[in-house]
Amino acid sequence: MNAEARAELLARYQAAPKLLADAVAGSSIAQLDGAPPEPGWTARENVHHVSDIAVMGALRLRLMLLDIEVEMWPTDQDTMQKRLRNDKRPIGPALKTVEGLVESAVSILGSLREDEWTQPRPVPVARSASIEDWLAANTRHIEQHIDQIRYALTGTC
């Protein structure tokens, strides 16, 4: 990935918390908890999932930069939803968590040298991954869930 493509990806990642908040802005409790048109999570559950994965991703980024072998923790996402009570908790703290973690990651990523972006880092499942890989996966993850939230709320993306 060249520097221009990376900058575009970083800008998308940095913009994602606002897009996430905008996706649920003005939604009623009934809308947040309404069943999506097809089986899946409610808008509320999607927001919490993004927050939960952002927490894990923030730790993973730091471990990667320290060259500590990153354990890919097995998680059943539906079990996570139930045990963390994501169907009942308010979304405000989750939105703030995503915003803070993304802002923190961007400050770290913005200070990396060119070679640090592409240096293979130990990741057991994939054997190695780069910080670019981390950024691409985390950006894609948030954007996919924003689409799922829009779908859960309106039936369209």
N, C-alpha and C. Protein backbone atom coordinates (compact mmCIF):
# COMPACT_ATOMS: atom_id res chain seq x y z
N MET A 1 0.86 -1.17 0.00
CA MET A 1 0.00 0.00 0.00
C MET A 1 0.91 1.23 0.00
N ASN A 2 0.61 2.15 -0.89
CA ASN A 2 1.44 3.35 -0.92
C ASN A 2 0.93 4.35 0.13
N ALA A 3 1.72 5.40 0.33
CA ALA A 3 1.41 6.38 1.38
C ALA A 3 0.06 7.06 1.14
N GLU A 4 -0.28 7.32 -0.11
CA GLU A 4 -1.56 7.97 -0.43
C GLU A 4 -2.74 7.07 -0.07
N ALA A 5 -2.66 5.81 -0.43
CA ALA A 5 -3.73 4.86 -0.10
C ALA A 5 -3.85 4.69 1.41
N ARG A 6 -2.71 4.65 2.09
CA ARG A 6 -2.72 4.52 3.54
C ARG A 6 -3.36 5.76 4.18
N ALA A 7 -3.04 6.94 3.68
CA ALA A 7 -3.62 8.17 4.23
C ALA A 7 -5.14 8.18 4.04
N GLU A 8 -5.60 7.71 2.89
CA GLU A 8 -7.04 7.63 2.64
C GLU A 8 -7.71 6.65 3.61
N LEU A 9 -7.07 5.51 3.83
CA LEU A 9 -7.59 4.51 4.76
C LEU A 9 -7.61 5.06 6.18
N LEU A 10 -6.55 5.75 6.56
CA LEU A 10 -6.48 6.35 7.89
C LEU A 10 -7.58 7.41 8.06
N ALA A 11 -7.85 8.18 7.03
CA ALA A 11 -8.92 9.19 7.09
C ALA A 11 -10.28 8.51 7.25
N ARG A 12 -10.50 7.39 6.56
CA ARG A 12 -11.76 6.65 6.70
C ARG A 12 -11.90 6.12 8.13
N TYR A 13 -10.81 5.59 8.66
CA TYR A 13 -10.82 5.06 10.03
C TYR A 13 -11.12 6.19 11.02
N GLN A 14 -10.48 7.32 10.84
CA GLN A 14 -10.67 8.46 11.73
C GLN A 14 -12.11 8.99 11.65
N ALA A 15 -12.73 8.92 10.49
CA ALA A 15 -14.10 9.41 10.30
C ALA A 15 -15.15 8.42 10.81
N ALA A 16 -14.78 7.18 11.01
CA ALA A 16 -15.75 6.13 11.34
C ALA A 16 -16.55 6.38 12.62
N PRO A 17 -15.96 6.87 13.71
CA PRO A 17 -16.79 7.10 14.91
C PRO A 17 -17.93 8.10 14.67
N LYS A 18 -17.68 9.14 13.91
CA LYS A 18 -18.74 10.11 13.61
C LYS A 18 -19.81 9.46 12.75
N LEU A 19 -19.40 8.67 11.76
CA LEU A 19 -20.38 7.97 10.92
C LEU A 19 -21.22 7.00 11.75
N LEU A 20 -20.57 6.35 12.71
CA LEU A 20 -21.28 5.43 13.60
C LEU A 20 -22.31 6.20 14.42
N ALA A 21 -21.88 7.30 15.02
CA ALA A 21 -22.81 8.11 15.82
C ALA A 21 -23.93 8.68 14.96
N ASP A 22 -23.59 9.14 13.75
CA ASP A 22 -24.60 9.68 12.85
C ASP A 22 -25.62 8.61 12.45
N ALA A 23 -25.16 7.37 12.32
CA ALA A 23 -26.06 6.30 11.89
C ALA A 23 -27.18 6.05 12.90
N VAL A 24 -26.91 6.32 14.17
CA VAL A 24 -27.93 6.08 15.20
C VAL A 24 -28.53 7.36 15.75
N ALA A 25 -28.03 8.50 15.31
CA ALA A 25 -28.51 9.79 15.82
C ALA A 25 -30.02 9.93 15.61
N GLY A 26 -30.70 10.34 16.64
CA GLY A 26 -32.14 10.57 16.56
C GLY A 26 -32.98 9.31 16.61
N SER A 27 -32.35 8.15 16.74
CA SER A 27 -33.12 6.91 16.80
C SER A 27 -33.78 6.75 18.16
N SER A 28 -35.00 6.29 18.13
CA SER A 28 -35.72 6.02 19.38
C SER A 28 -35.24 4.68 19.95
N ILE A 29 -35.61 4.45 21.18
CA ILE A 29 -35.28 3.16 21.80
C ILE A 29 -35.91 2.03 21.00
N ALA A 30 -37.14 2.23 20.57
CA ALA A 30 -37.82 1.21 19.77
C ALA A 30 -37.06 0.93 18.47
N GLN A 31 -36.54 1.98 17.84
CA GLN A 31 -35.77 1.77 16.61
C GLN A 31 -34.46 1.06 16.88
N LEU A 32 -33.76 1.47 17.95
CA LEU A 32 -32.48 0.84 18.29
C LEU A 32 -32.65 -0.64 18.59
N ASP A 33 -33.79 -0.99 19.15
CA ASP A 33 -34.03 -2.37 19.57
C ASP A 33 -34.90 -3.16 18.61
N GLY A 34 -35.34 -2.53 17.53
CA GLY A 34 -36.18 -3.21 16.55
C GLY A 34 -35.42 -4.29 15.80
N ALA A 35 -36.12 -5.35 15.53
CA ALA A 35 -35.50 -6.46 14.78
C ALA A 35 -35.16 -6.00 13.37
N PRO A 36 -33.96 -6.34 12.89
CA PRO A 36 -33.61 -5.99 11.52
C PRO A 36 -34.48 -6.77 10.53
N PRO A 37 -34.55 -6.32 9.27
CA PRO A 37 -35.39 -7.00 8.28
C PRO A 37 -35.04 -8.48 8.10
N GLU A 38 -33.80 -8.84 8.28
CA GLU A 38 -33.37 -10.24 8.21
C GLU A 38 -32.73 -10.58 9.55
N PRO A 39 -32.55 -11.86 9.84
CA PRO A 39 -31.92 -12.22 11.11
C PRO A 39 -30.57 -11.50 11.26
N GLY A 40 -30.35 -10.99 12.42
CA GLY A 40 -29.11 -10.27 12.71
C GLY A 40 -29.28 -9.50 14.00
N TRP A 41 -28.32 -8.64 14.26
CA TRP A 41 -28.34 -7.85 15.49
C TRP A 41 -29.12 -6.57 15.29
N THR A 42 -29.65 -6.08 16.39
CA THR A 42 -30.30 -4.78 16.37
C THR A 42 -29.24 -3.69 16.21
N ALA A 43 -29.68 -2.47 15.97
CA ALA A 43 -28.75 -1.35 15.87
C ALA A 43 -27.98 -1.21 17.18
N ARG A 44 -28.67 -1.33 18.32
CA ARG A 44 -28.01 -1.23 19.63
C ARG A 44 -26.91 -2.28 19.76
N GLU A 45 -27.23 -3.51 19.41
CA GLU A 45 -26.25 -4.59 19.53
C GLU A 45 -25.06 -4.36 18.60
N ASN A 46 -25.29 -3.84 17.42
CA ASN A 46 -24.19 -3.53 16.49
C ASN A 46 -23.27 -2.46 17.07
N VAL A 47 -23.84 -1.41 17.66
CA VAL A 47 -23.01 -0.35 18.26
C VAL A 47 -22.12 -0.95 19.35
N HIS A 48 -22.71 -1.76 20.22
CA HIS A 48 -21.91 -2.37 21.29
C HIS A 48 -20.84 -3.31 20.75
N HIS A 49 -21.18 -4.04 19.71
CA HIS A 49 -20.20 -4.94 19.11
C HIS A 49 -19.01 -4.15 18.57
N VAL A 50 -19.26 -3.05 17.88
CA VAL A 50 -18.18 -2.23 17.36
C VAL A 50 -17.30 -1.75 18.52
N SER A 51 -17.92 -1.34 19.61
CA SER A 51 -17.17 -0.88 20.79
C SER A 51 -16.34 -2.02 21.38
N ASP A 52 -16.96 -3.19 21.54
CA ASP A 52 -16.24 -4.33 22.12
C ASP A 52 -15.02 -4.71 21.28
N ILE A 53 -15.19 -4.74 19.97
CA ILE A 53 -14.08 -5.11 19.08
C ILE A 53 -13.04 -3.99 19.04
N ALA A 54 -13.47 -2.74 19.18
CA ALA A 54 -12.52 -1.62 19.22
C ALA A 54 -11.61 -1.75 20.44
N VAL A 55 -12.17 -2.20 21.56
CA VAL A 55 -11.35 -2.41 22.77
C VAL A 55 -10.29 -3.47 22.49
N MET A 56 -10.70 -4.57 21.92
CA MET A 56 -9.74 -5.64 21.62
C MET A 56 -8.73 -5.20 20.58
N GLY A 57 -9.20 -4.45 19.57
CA GLY A 57 -8.30 -3.97 18.53
C GLY A 57 -7.27 -2.99 19.05
N ALA A 58 -7.67 -2.15 20.00
CA ALA A 58 -6.73 -1.19 20.59
C ALA A 58 -5.60 -1.91 21.31
N LEU A 59 -5.94 -2.95 22.03
CA LEU A 59 -4.92 -3.74 22.71
C LEU A 59 -4.04 -4.46 21.69
N ARG A 60 -4.67 -5.03 20.67
CA ARG A 60 -3.92 -5.76 19.65
C ARG A 60 -2.91 -4.84 18.94
N LEU A 61 -3.31 -3.61 18.62
CA LEU A 61 -2.40 -2.66 17.98
C LEU A 61 -1.17 -2.43 18.86
N ARG A 62 -1.39 -2.20 20.12
CA ARG A 62 -0.28 -1.94 21.02
C ARG A 62 0.64 -3.14 21.15
N LEU A 63 0.06 -4.33 21.25
CA LEU A 63 0.88 -5.54 21.34
C LEU A 63 1.67 -5.76 20.06
N MET A 64 1.05 -5.49 18.92
CA MET A 64 1.76 -5.64 17.65
C MET A 64 2.96 -4.71 17.60
N LEU A 65 2.78 -3.45 18.01
CA LEU A 65 3.88 -2.49 17.97
C LEU A 65 4.99 -2.82 18.95
N LEU A 66 4.67 -3.59 19.97
CA LEU A 66 5.68 -4.04 20.94
C LEU A 66 6.28 -5.38 20.55
N ASP A 67 5.86 -5.90 19.38
CA ASP A 67 6.32 -7.20 18.89
C ASP A 67 6.02 -8.33 19.87
N ILE A 68 4.91 -8.22 20.54
CA ILE A 68 4.43 -9.27 21.42
C ILE A 68 3.47 -10.11 20.60
N GLU A 69 3.68 -11.41 20.60
CA GLU A 69 2.82 -12.28 19.80
C GLU A 69 1.38 -12.09 20.24
N VAL A 70 0.57 -11.68 19.30
CA VAL A 70 -0.82 -11.34 19.59
C VAL A 70 -1.66 -12.60 19.54
N GLU A 71 -2.22 -12.91 20.65
CA GLU A 71 -3.12 -14.06 20.73
C GLU A 71 -4.45 -13.67 20.10
N MET A 72 -4.95 -14.47 19.21
CA MET A 72 -6.26 -14.22 18.61
C MET A 72 -7.28 -14.94 19.47
N TRP A 73 -7.89 -14.19 20.36
CA TRP A 73 -8.80 -14.76 21.33
C TRP A 73 -10.05 -15.28 20.64
N PRO A 74 -10.36 -16.55 20.86
CA PRO A 74 -11.58 -17.07 20.25
C PRO A 74 -12.80 -16.49 20.97
N THR A 75 -13.71 -15.93 20.19
CA THR A 75 -14.92 -15.38 20.78
C THR A 75 -16.11 -15.79 19.93
N ASP A 76 -17.14 -16.21 20.60
CA ASP A 76 -18.41 -16.42 19.93
C ASP A 76 -19.15 -15.11 20.07
N GLN A 77 -19.37 -14.44 18.97
CA GLN A 77 -19.92 -13.09 19.01
C GLN A 77 -21.32 -13.03 19.61
N ASP A 78 -22.13 -14.05 19.37
CA ASP A 78 -23.47 -14.05 19.95
C ASP A 78 -23.40 -14.24 21.46
N THR A 79 -22.46 -15.06 21.93
CA THR A 79 -22.26 -15.23 23.37
C THR A 79 -21.78 -13.93 23.98
N MET A 80 -20.87 -13.23 23.28
CA MET A 80 -20.39 -11.94 23.75
C MET A 80 -21.56 -10.97 23.90
N GLN A 81 -22.44 -10.94 22.91
CA GLN A 81 -23.61 -10.06 22.96
C GLN A 81 -24.43 -10.33 24.23
N LYS A 82 -24.69 -11.60 24.50
CA LYS A 82 -25.53 -11.97 25.64
C LYS A 82 -24.85 -11.67 26.96
N ARG A 83 -23.60 -12.10 27.10
CA ARG A 83 -22.92 -11.95 28.39
C ARG A 83 -22.61 -10.50 28.73
N LEU A 84 -22.41 -9.67 27.74
CA LEU A 84 -22.13 -8.26 28.00
C LEU A 84 -23.41 -7.42 28.03
N ARG A 85 -24.57 -8.09 27.89
CA ARG A 85 -25.89 -7.44 27.97
C ARG A 85 -26.02 -6.32 26.95
N ASN A 86 -25.50 -6.57 25.75
CA ASN A 86 -25.50 -5.54 24.71
C ASN A 86 -26.89 -5.17 24.21
N ASP A 87 -27.88 -5.97 24.55
CA ASP A 87 -29.25 -5.65 24.13
C ASP A 87 -29.94 -4.69 25.08
N LYS A 88 -29.30 -4.37 26.20
CA LYS A 88 -29.95 -3.53 27.21
C LYS A 88 -29.17 -2.27 27.57
N ARG A 89 -27.88 -2.26 27.35
CA ARG A 89 -27.07 -1.12 27.80
C ARG A 89 -27.24 0.09 26.89
N PRO A 90 -27.09 1.28 27.45
CA PRO A 90 -27.18 2.49 26.62
C PRO A 90 -26.01 2.56 25.64
N ILE A 91 -26.26 3.18 24.50
CA ILE A 91 -25.21 3.22 23.47
C ILE A 91 -24.25 4.39 23.63
N GLY A 92 -24.61 5.39 24.41
CA GLY A 92 -23.75 6.56 24.57
C GLY A 92 -22.32 6.20 24.99
N PRO A 93 -22.13 5.42 26.05
CA PRO A 93 -20.77 5.06 26.44
C PRO A 93 -20.03 4.25 25.36
N ALA A 94 -20.75 3.41 24.65
CA ALA A 94 -20.12 2.62 23.58
C ALA A 94 -19.64 3.54 22.46
N LEU A 95 -20.45 4.53 22.10
CA LEU A 95 -20.04 5.49 21.06
C LEU A 95 -18.81 6.28 21.51
N LYS A 96 -18.78 6.69 22.78
CA LYS A 96 -17.62 7.41 23.31
C LYS A 96 -16.38 6.52 23.33
N THR A 97 -16.57 5.26 23.65
CA THR A 97 -15.44 4.32 23.67
C THR A 97 -14.83 4.20 22.29
N VAL A 98 -15.66 4.01 21.29
CA VAL A 98 -15.15 3.91 19.91
C VAL A 98 -14.43 5.20 19.53
N GLU A 99 -15.04 6.33 19.81
CA GLU A 99 -14.43 7.61 19.48
C GLU A 99 -13.05 7.76 20.14
N GLY A 100 -12.97 7.46 21.43
CA GLY A 100 -11.72 7.60 22.16
C GLY A 100 -10.64 6.63 21.68
N LEU A 101 -11.03 5.39 21.43
CA LEU A 101 -10.05 4.40 21.00
C LEU A 101 -9.55 4.69 19.59
N VAL A 102 -10.42 5.13 18.71
CA VAL A 102 -9.99 5.50 17.36
C VAL A 102 -9.06 6.71 17.43
N GLU A 103 -9.44 7.71 18.21
CA GLU A 103 -8.59 8.90 18.35
C GLU A 103 -7.21 8.52 18.89
N SER A 104 -7.18 7.64 19.88
CA SER A 104 -5.91 7.19 20.44
C SER A 104 -5.08 6.44 19.41
N ALA A 105 -5.74 5.53 18.67
CA ALA A 105 -5.02 4.76 17.64
C ALA A 105 -4.48 5.67 16.55
N VAL A 106 -5.27 6.66 16.15
CA VAL A 106 -4.82 7.58 15.10
C VAL A 106 -3.59 8.35 15.56
N SER A 107 -3.55 8.72 16.84
CA SER A 107 -2.36 9.43 17.34
C SER A 107 -1.13 8.53 17.32
N ILE A 108 -1.32 7.25 17.56
CA ILE A 108 -0.20 6.30 17.47
C ILE A 108 0.19 6.11 16.01
N LEU A 109 -0.79 5.84 15.18
CA LEU A 109 -0.52 5.56 13.77
C LEU A 109 0.11 6.75 13.07
N GLY A 110 -0.30 7.95 13.45
CA GLY A 110 0.24 9.15 12.83
C GLY A 110 1.70 9.39 13.12
N SER A 111 2.23 8.71 14.12
CA SER A 111 3.63 8.89 14.48
C SER A 111 4.55 7.79 13.96
N LEU A 112 3.98 6.82 13.24
CA LEU A 112 4.80 5.70 12.78
C LEU A 112 5.71 6.10 11.62
N ARG A 113 6.89 5.49 11.63
CA ARG A 113 7.81 5.64 10.49
C ARG A 113 7.31 4.73 9.35
N GLU A 114 7.72 5.02 8.16
CA GLU A 114 7.30 4.25 6.99
C GLU A 114 7.53 2.75 7.18
N ASP A 115 8.69 2.37 7.67
CA ASP A 115 9.01 0.95 7.82
C ASP A 115 8.14 0.27 8.87
N GLU A 116 7.62 1.02 9.83
CA GLU A 116 6.80 0.42 10.87
C GLU A 116 5.42 0.00 10.35
N TRP A 117 4.97 0.64 9.29
CA TRP A 117 3.66 0.31 8.72
C TRP A 117 3.64 -1.09 8.11
N THR A 118 4.71 -1.47 7.48
CA THR A 118 4.70 -2.72 6.71
C THR A 118 5.49 -3.84 7.36
N GLN A 119 6.17 -3.57 8.44
CA GLN A 119 6.96 -4.61 9.11
C GLN A 119 6.04 -5.73 9.58
N PRO A 120 6.37 -6.97 9.20
CA PRO A 120 5.54 -8.09 9.68
C PRO A 120 5.60 -8.19 11.20
N ARG A 121 4.45 -8.38 11.79
CA ARG A 121 4.33 -8.51 13.25
C ARG A 121 3.80 -9.91 13.56
N PRO A 122 4.21 -10.48 14.68
CA PRO A 122 3.76 -11.84 15.00
C PRO A 122 2.27 -11.89 15.35
N VAL A 123 1.53 -12.65 14.57
CA VAL A 123 0.12 -12.89 14.82
C VAL A 123 -0.11 -14.37 14.57
N PRO A 124 -0.39 -15.15 15.62
CA PRO A 124 -0.44 -16.61 15.48
C PRO A 124 -1.29 -17.15 14.35
N VAL A 125 -2.50 -16.64 14.18
CA VAL A 125 -3.40 -17.20 13.18
C VAL A 125 -2.88 -16.98 11.77
N ALA A 126 -2.43 -15.77 11.48
CA ALA A 126 -1.96 -15.44 10.13
C ALA A 126 -0.45 -15.55 10.00
N ARG A 127 0.21 -15.95 11.06
CA ARG A 127 1.67 -16.01 11.14
C ARG A 127 2.29 -14.63 11.24
N SER A 128 1.82 -13.70 10.45
CA SER A 128 2.27 -12.32 10.60
C SER A 128 1.27 -11.40 9.94
N ALA A 129 1.27 -10.17 10.39
CA ALA A 129 0.41 -9.14 9.82
C ALA A 129 1.11 -7.81 10.06
N SER A 130 0.78 -6.85 9.27
CA SER A 130 1.38 -5.53 9.42
C SER A 130 0.39 -4.57 10.07
N ILE A 131 0.87 -3.41 10.44
CA ILE A 131 0.00 -2.38 10.98
C ILE A 131 -0.99 -1.93 9.89
N GLU A 132 -0.54 -1.92 8.64
CA GLU A 132 -1.46 -1.63 7.53
C GLU A 132 -2.61 -2.62 7.51
N ASP A 133 -2.28 -3.90 7.72
CA ASP A 133 -3.32 -4.94 7.76
C ASP A 133 -4.30 -4.67 8.90
N TRP A 134 -3.76 -4.28 10.05
CA TRP A 134 -4.60 -3.97 11.21
C TRP A 134 -5.54 -2.82 10.87
N LEU A 135 -5.00 -1.76 10.30
CA LEU A 135 -5.80 -0.58 9.96
C LEU A 135 -6.90 -0.94 8.96
N ALA A 136 -6.56 -1.69 7.94
CA ALA A 136 -7.54 -2.08 6.93
C ALA A 136 -8.66 -2.92 7.55
N ALA A 137 -8.31 -3.88 8.37
CA ALA A 137 -9.31 -4.76 8.99
C ALA A 137 -10.22 -3.99 9.94
N ASN A 138 -9.65 -3.10 10.73
CA ASN A 138 -10.45 -2.35 11.70
C ASN A 138 -11.34 -1.33 11.02
N THR A 139 -10.85 -0.71 9.97
CA THR A 139 -11.68 0.24 9.21
C THR A 139 -12.84 -0.49 8.57
N ARG A 140 -12.55 -1.58 7.91
CA ARG A 140 -13.57 -2.38 7.23
C ARG A 140 -14.62 -2.87 8.24
N HIS A 141 -14.18 -3.30 9.41
CA HIS A 141 -15.09 -3.81 10.43
C HIS A 141 -16.11 -2.75 10.85
N ILE A 142 -15.62 -1.56 11.18
CA ILE A 142 -16.54 -0.50 11.61
C ILE A 142 -17.50 -0.14 10.48
N GLU A 143 -16.98 0.02 9.26
CA GLU A 143 -17.83 0.40 8.13
C GLU A 143 -18.90 -0.66 7.85
N GLN A 144 -18.56 -1.92 7.97
CA GLN A 144 -19.54 -2.99 7.75
C GLN A 144 -20.67 -2.92 8.78
N HIS A 145 -20.30 -2.63 10.02
CA HIS A 145 -21.33 -2.55 11.05
C HIS A 145 -22.17 -1.28 10.94
N ILE A 146 -21.59 -0.22 10.43
CA ILE A 146 -22.40 0.98 10.15
C ILE A 146 -23.47 0.62 9.11
N ASP A 147 -23.08 -0.12 8.09
CA ASP A 147 -24.06 -0.57 7.09
C ASP A 147 -25.13 -1.45 7.74
N GLN A 148 -24.72 -2.34 8.64
CA GLN A 148 -25.69 -3.21 9.32
C GLN A 148 -26.63 -2.40 10.19
N ILE A 149 -26.13 -1.35 10.82
CA ILE A 149 -26.99 -0.48 11.65
C ILE A 149 -28.01 0.21 10.76
N ARG A 150 -27.55 0.77 9.65
CA ARG A 150 -28.49 1.44 8.73
C ARG A 150 -29.56 0.47 8.25
N TYR A 151 -29.14 -0.75 7.95
CA TYR A 151 -30.08 -1.78 7.50
C TYR A 151 -31.07 -2.13 8.61
N ALA A 152 -30.55 -2.27 9.84
CA ALA A 152 -31.44 -2.61 10.96
C ALA A 152 -32.46 -1.49 11.20
N LEU A 153 -32.06 -0.25 10.99
CA LEU A 153 -32.94 0.88 11.25
C LEU A 153 -33.90 1.20 10.09
N THR A 154 -33.45 0.95 8.86
CA THR A 154 -34.24 1.39 7.71
C THR A 154 -34.53 0.32 6.68
N GLY A 155 -33.83 -0.78 6.76
CA GLY A 155 -33.98 -1.83 5.75
C GLY A 155 -33.13 -1.58 4.52
N THR A 156 -32.33 -0.50 4.53
CA THR A 156 -31.41 -0.19 3.42
C THR A 156 -30.07 0.20 3.99
N CYS A 157 -29.04 0.13 3.15
CA CYS A 157 -27.69 0.54 3.59
C CYS A 157 -27.36 1.91 3.07
